[in-house]
Amino acid sequence: SRAGAPRARQARACGLPAAMGNAGCCSCEDDTGVRPDESRRPKPGSRPRQPNEVVITVDRSTGEGLGIDATPDVRKGDLEIKNITVGGLVERWNASQPNGKLVVKPGMRVIEVNGRHSSPKQLIAACRETEMLRITLLPAECAGD
């Protein structure tokens, strides 16, 4: 991270380099201030489940990017999806859904990734892992205060 530079300018898309048109997303390339061993541990305690949660599973073991632009919301402790990138893992997951009924869309919020929740930094760290990702989202209409 450049000292003194605004976070928005340093942001990158979860799992994708800026060259793929993903500038302005969660701060995946920023120094999160979390030591590597801490970033792998789920936040203690369970998260209350919400009735309209959507869970998707994507395989990042090959190192491919998720293909989402997302903005961290420290107040809500989540990431708001701003854009789905064509060809990314999430877009391919969307295309695999019958009739396109259950798809990830801009406005949805990432609230948990592989057991990590309540912290954008933890969610970003989890999105960067090259493994199977279990991503829990809230539809846009359910993500309000």
N, C-alpha and C. Protein backbone atom coordinates (compact mmCIF):
# COMPACT_ATOMS: atom_id res chain seq x y z
N SER A 1 0.84 -1.20 0.00
CA SER A 1 0.00 0.00 0.00
C SER A 1 0.87 1.24 0.00
N ARG A 2 0.42 2.23 -0.74
CA ARG A 2 1.14 3.50 -0.73
C ARG A 2 0.67 4.28 0.48
N ALA A 3 1.64 4.81 1.23
CA ALA A 3 1.30 5.60 2.41
C ALA A 3 0.52 6.83 2.00
N GLY A 4 -0.58 7.08 2.68
CA GLY A 4 -1.35 8.29 2.45
C GLY A 4 -2.31 8.23 1.28
N ALA A 5 -2.24 7.17 0.46
CA ALA A 5 -3.14 7.08 -0.70
C ALA A 5 -4.52 6.64 -0.22
N PRO A 6 -5.57 7.22 -0.78
CA PRO A 6 -6.92 6.81 -0.37
C PRO A 6 -7.16 5.34 -0.71
N ARG A 7 -7.87 4.65 0.15
CA ARG A 7 -8.16 3.22 -0.04
C ARG A 7 -8.82 2.95 -1.38
N ALA A 8 -9.72 3.81 -1.82
CA ALA A 8 -10.45 3.57 -3.07
C ALA A 8 -9.51 3.44 -4.25
N ARG A 9 -8.42 4.18 -4.26
CA ARG A 9 -7.49 4.10 -5.39
C ARG A 9 -6.65 2.84 -5.35
N GLN A 10 -6.51 2.23 -4.17
CA GLN A 10 -5.68 1.04 -4.04
C GLN A 10 -6.47 -0.23 -4.26
N ALA A 11 -7.75 -0.13 -4.42
CA ALA A 11 -8.63 -1.30 -4.43
C ALA A 11 -8.44 -2.17 -5.67
N ARG A 12 -8.70 -3.46 -5.51
CA ARG A 12 -8.64 -4.44 -6.59
C ARG A 12 -9.83 -5.39 -6.42
N ALA A 13 -10.19 -6.05 -7.50
CA ALA A 13 -11.29 -7.03 -7.44
C ALA A 13 -10.83 -8.29 -6.74
N CYS A 14 -11.74 -8.92 -6.02
CA CYS A 14 -11.42 -10.16 -5.30
C CYS A 14 -10.92 -11.21 -6.29
N GLY A 15 -9.65 -11.53 -6.18
CA GLY A 15 -9.11 -12.62 -6.96
C GLY A 15 -8.73 -12.28 -8.39
N LEU A 16 -8.95 -11.06 -8.86
CA LEU A 16 -8.61 -10.71 -10.23
C LEU A 16 -7.67 -9.51 -10.27
N PRO A 17 -6.67 -9.54 -11.16
CA PRO A 17 -5.79 -8.39 -11.28
C PRO A 17 -6.52 -7.20 -11.90
N ALA A 18 -6.02 -6.00 -11.61
CA ALA A 18 -6.65 -4.78 -12.12
C ALA A 18 -6.67 -4.76 -13.64
N ALA A 19 -5.74 -5.42 -14.28
CA ALA A 19 -5.68 -5.43 -15.74
C ALA A 19 -6.92 -6.06 -16.37
N MET A 20 -7.70 -6.79 -15.59
CA MET A 20 -8.89 -7.44 -16.13
C MET A 20 -10.13 -6.57 -15.94
N GLY A 21 -9.92 -5.27 -15.71
CA GLY A 21 -11.04 -4.36 -15.62
C GLY A 21 -11.74 -4.39 -14.28
N ASN A 22 -11.00 -4.62 -13.21
CA ASN A 22 -11.62 -4.77 -11.91
C ASN A 22 -11.14 -3.76 -10.88
N ALA A 23 -10.64 -2.62 -11.31
CA ALA A 23 -10.23 -1.60 -10.35
C ALA A 23 -11.46 -1.09 -9.63
N GLY A 24 -11.30 -0.68 -8.40
CA GLY A 24 -12.40 -0.09 -7.66
C GLY A 24 -13.17 -1.07 -6.81
N CYS A 25 -12.62 -2.24 -6.59
CA CYS A 25 -13.31 -3.26 -5.80
C CYS A 25 -12.73 -3.34 -4.41
N CYS A 26 -13.05 -4.42 -3.76
CA CYS A 26 -12.54 -4.63 -2.41
C CYS A 26 -11.02 -4.57 -2.42
N SER A 27 -10.46 -4.21 -1.29
CA SER A 27 -9.03 -3.95 -1.21
C SER A 27 -8.22 -5.23 -1.08
N CYS A 28 -8.32 -6.08 -2.08
CA CYS A 28 -7.62 -7.36 -2.05
C CYS A 28 -6.11 -7.20 -2.09
N GLU A 29 -5.61 -6.15 -2.68
CA GLU A 29 -4.18 -5.95 -2.78
C GLU A 29 -3.64 -5.09 -1.64
N ASP A 30 -4.52 -4.51 -0.84
CA ASP A 30 -4.10 -3.66 0.26
C ASP A 30 -3.55 -4.49 1.39
N ASP A 31 -2.71 -3.87 2.21
CA ASP A 31 -2.28 -4.49 3.44
C ASP A 31 -3.48 -4.45 4.38
N THR A 32 -4.01 -5.61 4.71
CA THR A 32 -5.22 -5.65 5.53
C THR A 32 -4.92 -5.45 7.00
N GLY A 33 -3.66 -5.51 7.40
CA GLY A 33 -3.33 -5.38 8.81
C GLY A 33 -3.57 -6.67 9.58
N VAL A 34 -3.95 -7.72 8.88
CA VAL A 34 -4.19 -9.02 9.51
C VAL A 34 -2.99 -9.90 9.20
N ARG A 35 -2.39 -10.48 10.25
CA ARG A 35 -1.27 -11.39 10.03
C ARG A 35 -1.77 -12.61 9.27
N PRO A 36 -0.92 -13.22 8.40
CA PRO A 36 -1.37 -14.34 7.58
C PRO A 36 -2.05 -15.46 8.37
N ASP A 37 -1.51 -15.82 9.53
CA ASP A 37 -2.13 -16.90 10.30
C ASP A 37 -3.50 -16.49 10.82
N GLU A 38 -3.71 -15.21 11.12
CA GLU A 38 -5.01 -14.74 11.60
C GLU A 38 -6.03 -14.70 10.46
N SER A 39 -5.61 -14.38 9.24
CA SER A 39 -6.55 -14.23 8.14
C SER A 39 -7.18 -15.57 7.75
N ARG A 40 -6.58 -16.68 8.13
CA ARG A 40 -7.11 -17.99 7.78
C ARG A 40 -8.12 -18.50 8.81
N ARG A 41 -8.18 -17.87 9.97
CA ARG A 41 -9.09 -18.33 11.01
C ARG A 41 -10.44 -17.65 10.91
N PRO A 42 -11.52 -18.43 11.02
CA PRO A 42 -12.84 -17.79 11.05
C PRO A 42 -12.96 -16.90 12.28
N LYS A 43 -13.74 -15.87 12.16
CA LYS A 43 -14.02 -15.00 13.29
C LYS A 43 -14.78 -15.81 14.33
N PRO A 44 -14.42 -15.68 15.63
CA PRO A 44 -15.07 -16.49 16.65
C PRO A 44 -16.58 -16.23 16.71
N GLY A 45 -17.32 -17.26 17.08
CA GLY A 45 -18.76 -17.13 17.23
C GLY A 45 -19.49 -17.36 15.93
N SER A 46 -20.71 -17.81 16.05
CA SER A 46 -21.48 -18.04 14.84
C SER A 46 -22.28 -16.80 14.48
N ARG A 47 -22.63 -16.72 13.23
CA ARG A 47 -23.38 -15.60 12.69
C ARG A 47 -24.85 -16.00 12.63
N PRO A 48 -25.75 -15.11 13.04
CA PRO A 48 -27.16 -15.45 12.91
C PRO A 48 -27.54 -15.63 11.44
N ARG A 49 -28.23 -16.70 11.13
CA ARG A 49 -28.64 -16.98 9.76
C ARG A 49 -29.86 -16.15 9.40
N GLN A 50 -29.94 -15.77 8.13
CA GLN A 50 -31.08 -14.99 7.64
C GLN A 50 -31.84 -15.84 6.63
N PRO A 51 -33.16 -15.69 6.57
CA PRO A 51 -33.97 -16.60 5.74
C PRO A 51 -33.70 -16.53 4.24
N ASN A 52 -33.26 -15.42 3.71
CA ASN A 52 -33.08 -15.29 2.26
C ASN A 52 -31.63 -15.45 1.80
N GLU A 53 -30.79 -16.05 2.64
CA GLU A 53 -29.40 -16.24 2.25
C GLU A 53 -29.29 -17.15 1.03
N VAL A 54 -28.30 -16.87 0.21
CA VAL A 54 -27.98 -17.67 -0.97
C VAL A 54 -26.55 -18.15 -0.78
N VAL A 55 -26.32 -19.44 -0.97
CA VAL A 55 -24.96 -19.98 -0.83
C VAL A 55 -24.52 -20.55 -2.18
N ILE A 56 -23.35 -20.11 -2.62
CA ILE A 56 -22.76 -20.66 -3.84
C ILE A 56 -21.40 -21.26 -3.49
N THR A 57 -20.96 -22.19 -4.29
CA THR A 57 -19.64 -22.79 -4.11
C THR A 57 -18.88 -22.65 -5.42
N VAL A 58 -17.69 -22.06 -5.34
CA VAL A 58 -16.84 -21.92 -6.52
C VAL A 58 -15.45 -22.45 -6.19
N ASP A 59 -14.80 -22.99 -7.19
CA ASP A 59 -13.48 -23.60 -7.02
C ASP A 59 -12.39 -22.66 -7.51
N ARG A 60 -11.63 -22.09 -6.56
CA ARG A 60 -10.52 -21.21 -6.91
C ARG A 60 -9.19 -21.95 -6.85
N SER A 61 -9.20 -23.28 -6.79
CA SER A 61 -7.95 -24.03 -6.62
C SER A 61 -6.99 -23.84 -7.79
N THR A 62 -7.49 -23.45 -8.95
CA THR A 62 -6.61 -23.20 -10.10
C THR A 62 -6.04 -21.79 -10.09
N GLY A 63 -6.50 -20.97 -9.15
CA GLY A 63 -6.01 -19.59 -9.06
C GLY A 63 -6.82 -18.60 -9.86
N GLU A 64 -7.88 -19.06 -10.55
CA GLU A 64 -8.72 -18.14 -11.31
C GLU A 64 -9.43 -17.19 -10.37
N GLY A 65 -9.74 -15.99 -10.88
CA GLY A 65 -10.41 -15.00 -10.07
C GLY A 65 -11.91 -15.21 -10.00
N LEU A 66 -12.51 -14.67 -8.94
CA LEU A 66 -13.97 -14.76 -8.79
C LEU A 66 -14.68 -13.97 -9.87
N GLY A 67 -14.11 -12.87 -10.30
CA GLY A 67 -14.75 -12.05 -11.33
C GLY A 67 -15.86 -11.19 -10.77
N ILE A 68 -15.63 -10.62 -9.59
CA ILE A 68 -16.60 -9.67 -9.05
C ILE A 68 -15.88 -8.40 -8.65
N ASP A 69 -16.57 -7.29 -8.82
CA ASP A 69 -16.13 -6.02 -8.24
C ASP A 69 -17.01 -5.85 -7.02
N ALA A 70 -16.40 -5.60 -5.87
CA ALA A 70 -17.16 -5.44 -4.64
C ALA A 70 -16.56 -4.34 -3.79
N THR A 71 -17.42 -3.68 -3.04
CA THR A 71 -17.00 -2.58 -2.18
C THR A 71 -17.16 -3.00 -0.72
N PRO A 72 -16.10 -2.85 0.08
CA PRO A 72 -16.23 -3.20 1.49
C PRO A 72 -17.12 -2.21 2.24
N ASP A 73 -17.94 -2.72 3.15
CA ASP A 73 -18.78 -1.89 4.01
C ASP A 73 -18.42 -2.27 5.44
N VAL A 74 -17.55 -1.46 6.06
CA VAL A 74 -17.06 -1.75 7.40
C VAL A 74 -18.21 -1.70 8.40
N ARG A 75 -19.14 -0.79 8.21
CA ARG A 75 -20.27 -0.64 9.14
C ARG A 75 -21.13 -1.91 9.17
N LYS A 76 -21.41 -2.47 8.00
CA LYS A 76 -22.23 -3.68 7.93
C LYS A 76 -21.39 -4.95 8.04
N GLY A 77 -20.07 -4.83 7.85
CA GLY A 77 -19.19 -5.99 7.94
C GLY A 77 -19.28 -6.93 6.77
N ASP A 78 -19.57 -6.37 5.57
CA ASP A 78 -19.72 -7.22 4.40
C ASP A 78 -19.14 -6.55 3.16
N LEU A 79 -19.36 -7.17 2.01
CA LEU A 79 -18.90 -6.64 0.72
C LEU A 79 -20.11 -6.52 -0.19
N GLU A 80 -20.31 -5.35 -0.79
CA GLU A 80 -21.41 -5.17 -1.73
C GLU A 80 -20.90 -5.40 -3.14
N ILE A 81 -21.54 -6.32 -3.87
CA ILE A 81 -21.15 -6.62 -5.24
C ILE A 81 -21.61 -5.48 -6.14
N LYS A 82 -20.68 -4.93 -6.89
CA LYS A 82 -20.97 -3.83 -7.81
C LYS A 82 -21.07 -4.31 -9.25
N ASN A 83 -20.32 -5.36 -9.61
CA ASN A 83 -20.27 -5.83 -10.99
C ASN A 83 -19.83 -7.28 -11.03
N ILE A 84 -20.35 -8.01 -12.01
CA ILE A 84 -19.94 -9.39 -12.28
C ILE A 84 -19.18 -9.35 -13.61
N THR A 85 -17.93 -9.81 -13.59
CA THR A 85 -17.08 -9.76 -14.77
C THR A 85 -17.32 -10.98 -15.66
N VAL A 86 -17.48 -10.75 -16.95
CA VAL A 86 -17.67 -11.82 -17.92
C VAL A 86 -16.45 -12.75 -17.89
N GLY A 87 -16.72 -14.06 -17.82
CA GLY A 87 -15.65 -15.05 -17.84
C GLY A 87 -15.11 -15.44 -16.47
N GLY A 88 -15.48 -14.71 -15.43
CA GLY A 88 -15.02 -15.03 -14.08
C GLY A 88 -15.77 -16.22 -13.52
N LEU A 89 -15.29 -16.74 -12.40
CA LEU A 89 -15.90 -17.91 -11.79
C LEU A 89 -17.35 -17.68 -11.39
N VAL A 90 -17.67 -16.49 -10.88
CA VAL A 90 -19.06 -16.22 -10.47
C VAL A 90 -19.96 -16.14 -11.69
N GLU A 91 -19.51 -15.52 -12.76
CA GLU A 91 -20.32 -15.44 -13.98
C GLU A 91 -20.56 -16.84 -14.54
N ARG A 92 -19.56 -17.70 -14.49
CA ARG A 92 -19.73 -19.08 -14.96
C ARG A 92 -20.68 -19.85 -14.04
N TRP A 93 -20.61 -19.58 -12.73
CA TRP A 93 -21.56 -20.21 -11.81
C TRP A 93 -22.98 -19.76 -12.19
N ASN A 94 -23.16 -18.47 -12.44
CA ASN A 94 -24.47 -17.95 -12.86
C ASN A 94 -24.97 -18.68 -14.10
N ALA A 95 -24.10 -18.84 -15.09
CA ALA A 95 -24.49 -19.47 -16.36
C ALA A 95 -24.88 -20.94 -16.17
N SER A 96 -24.38 -21.57 -15.12
CA SER A 96 -24.68 -22.99 -14.88
C SER A 96 -26.02 -23.21 -14.19
N GLN A 97 -26.67 -22.13 -13.77
CA GLN A 97 -27.93 -22.26 -13.03
C GLN A 97 -29.10 -22.46 -13.99
N PRO A 98 -29.93 -23.47 -13.72
CA PRO A 98 -31.08 -23.72 -14.60
C PRO A 98 -32.03 -22.52 -14.62
N ASN A 99 -32.41 -22.12 -15.80
CA ASN A 99 -33.33 -20.99 -16.02
C ASN A 99 -32.85 -19.66 -15.45
N GLY A 100 -31.61 -19.60 -14.99
CA GLY A 100 -31.06 -18.34 -14.46
C GLY A 100 -31.80 -17.79 -13.26
N LYS A 101 -32.51 -18.66 -12.53
CA LYS A 101 -33.32 -18.18 -11.40
C LYS A 101 -32.48 -17.72 -10.22
N LEU A 102 -31.47 -18.48 -9.86
CA LEU A 102 -30.66 -18.17 -8.70
C LEU A 102 -29.28 -17.72 -9.19
N VAL A 103 -29.12 -16.42 -9.41
CA VAL A 103 -27.86 -15.92 -9.92
C VAL A 103 -27.34 -14.79 -9.02
N VAL A 104 -26.03 -14.64 -9.02
CA VAL A 104 -25.39 -13.56 -8.28
C VAL A 104 -25.52 -12.31 -9.13
N LYS A 105 -25.97 -11.21 -8.51
CA LYS A 105 -26.22 -9.95 -9.22
C LYS A 105 -25.60 -8.79 -8.47
N PRO A 106 -25.30 -7.71 -9.20
CA PRO A 106 -24.87 -6.49 -8.51
C PRO A 106 -25.92 -6.08 -7.48
N GLY A 107 -25.45 -5.58 -6.35
CA GLY A 107 -26.34 -5.18 -5.26
C GLY A 107 -26.40 -6.23 -4.16
N MET A 108 -26.08 -7.48 -4.51
CA MET A 108 -26.04 -8.52 -3.48
C MET A 108 -24.85 -8.25 -2.57
N ARG A 109 -24.93 -8.80 -1.35
CA ARG A 109 -23.86 -8.60 -0.37
C ARG A 109 -23.25 -9.94 0.03
N VAL A 110 -21.92 -9.99 0.00
CA VAL A 110 -21.18 -11.15 0.48
C VAL A 110 -21.12 -11.00 2.00
N ILE A 111 -21.71 -11.95 2.72
CA ILE A 111 -21.74 -11.84 4.18
C ILE A 111 -20.89 -12.89 4.88
N GLU A 112 -20.50 -13.95 4.15
CA GLU A 112 -19.65 -14.98 4.74
C GLU A 112 -18.92 -15.72 3.64
N VAL A 113 -17.65 -16.05 3.89
CA VAL A 113 -16.86 -16.87 2.97
C VAL A 113 -16.10 -17.89 3.81
N ASN A 114 -16.37 -19.15 3.59
CA ASN A 114 -15.70 -20.26 4.30
C ASN A 114 -15.66 -20.05 5.81
N GLY A 115 -16.78 -19.62 6.38
CA GLY A 115 -16.88 -19.46 7.82
C GLY A 115 -16.44 -18.11 8.35
N ARG A 116 -15.82 -17.31 7.51
CA ARG A 116 -15.39 -15.97 7.95
C ARG A 116 -16.51 -14.98 7.68
N HIS A 117 -16.75 -14.08 8.62
CA HIS A 117 -17.85 -13.14 8.51
C HIS A 117 -17.60 -11.90 9.37
N SER A 118 -18.46 -10.91 9.24
CA SER A 118 -18.50 -9.71 10.08
C SER A 118 -17.32 -8.76 9.89
N SER A 119 -16.46 -9.01 8.91
CA SER A 119 -15.31 -8.14 8.67
C SER A 119 -14.95 -8.17 7.19
N PRO A 120 -15.03 -7.02 6.51
CA PRO A 120 -14.62 -6.99 5.11
C PRO A 120 -13.20 -7.53 4.91
N LYS A 121 -12.29 -7.25 5.84
CA LYS A 121 -10.92 -7.73 5.72
C LYS A 121 -10.88 -9.26 5.73
N GLN A 122 -11.66 -9.86 6.60
CA GLN A 122 -11.71 -11.32 6.66
C GLN A 122 -12.33 -11.90 5.40
N LEU A 123 -13.39 -11.26 4.90
CA LEU A 123 -14.04 -11.73 3.67
C LEU A 123 -13.08 -11.65 2.48
N ILE A 124 -12.37 -10.54 2.39
CA ILE A 124 -11.40 -10.36 1.29
C ILE A 124 -10.31 -11.41 1.37
N ALA A 125 -9.78 -11.63 2.58
CA ALA A 125 -8.73 -12.65 2.76
C ALA A 125 -9.24 -14.02 2.33
N ALA A 126 -10.48 -14.34 2.69
CA ALA A 126 -11.05 -15.64 2.31
C ALA A 126 -11.24 -15.74 0.80
N CYS A 127 -11.67 -14.64 0.16
CA CYS A 127 -11.87 -14.65 -1.30
C CYS A 127 -10.56 -14.87 -2.05
N ARG A 128 -9.45 -14.53 -1.44
CA ARG A 128 -8.15 -14.65 -2.09
C ARG A 128 -7.57 -16.05 -1.98
N GLU A 129 -8.13 -16.88 -1.12
CA GLU A 129 -7.63 -18.24 -0.95
C GLU A 129 -7.86 -19.03 -2.23
N THR A 130 -6.89 -19.88 -2.58
CA THR A 130 -7.03 -20.73 -3.77
C THR A 130 -7.50 -22.10 -3.33
N GLU A 131 -8.81 -22.18 -3.07
CA GLU A 131 -9.43 -23.41 -2.62
C GLU A 131 -10.92 -23.32 -2.97
N MET A 132 -11.67 -24.33 -2.57
CA MET A 132 -13.12 -24.25 -2.73
C MET A 132 -13.64 -23.16 -1.82
N LEU A 133 -14.46 -22.27 -2.37
CA LEU A 133 -15.03 -21.18 -1.58
C LEU A 133 -16.53 -21.39 -1.44
N ARG A 134 -17.00 -21.37 -0.21
CA ARG A 134 -18.43 -21.42 0.08
C ARG A 134 -18.81 -19.98 0.43
N ILE A 135 -19.52 -19.32 -0.47
CA ILE A 135 -19.82 -17.90 -0.35
C ILE A 135 -21.30 -17.73 -0.04
N THR A 136 -21.58 -17.03 1.06
CA THR A 136 -22.96 -16.76 1.46
C THR A 136 -23.27 -15.31 1.11
N LEU A 137 -24.39 -15.13 0.41
CA LEU A 137 -24.80 -13.80 -0.05
C LEU A 137 -26.21 -13.49 0.42
N LEU A 138 -26.50 -12.20 0.48
CA LEU A 138 -27.86 -11.74 0.71
C LEU A 138 -28.33 -11.03 -0.55
N PRO A 139 -29.54 -11.32 -1.00
CA PRO A 139 -30.09 -10.58 -2.14
C PRO A 139 -30.15 -9.09 -1.82
N ALA A 140 -30.08 -8.26 -2.83
CA ALA A 140 -30.05 -6.80 -2.65
C ALA A 140 -31.21 -6.30 -1.81
N GLU A 141 -32.40 -6.84 -2.02
CA GLU A 141 -33.57 -6.36 -1.28
C GLU A 141 -33.54 -6.76 0.19
N CYS A 142 -32.68 -7.72 0.56
CA CYS A 142 -32.60 -8.19 1.94
C CYS A 142 -31.38 -7.62 2.67
N ALA A 143 -30.56 -6.86 1.96
CA ALA A 143 -29.30 -6.41 2.51
C ALA A 143 -29.39 -5.05 3.17
N GLY A 144 -30.56 -4.52 3.35
CA GLY A 144 -30.72 -3.21 3.96
C GLY A 144 -30.41 -3.22 5.43
N ASP A 145 -30.45 -2.03 6.06
CA ASP A 145 -30.13 -1.90 7.50
C ASP A 145 -31.17 -2.57 8.35
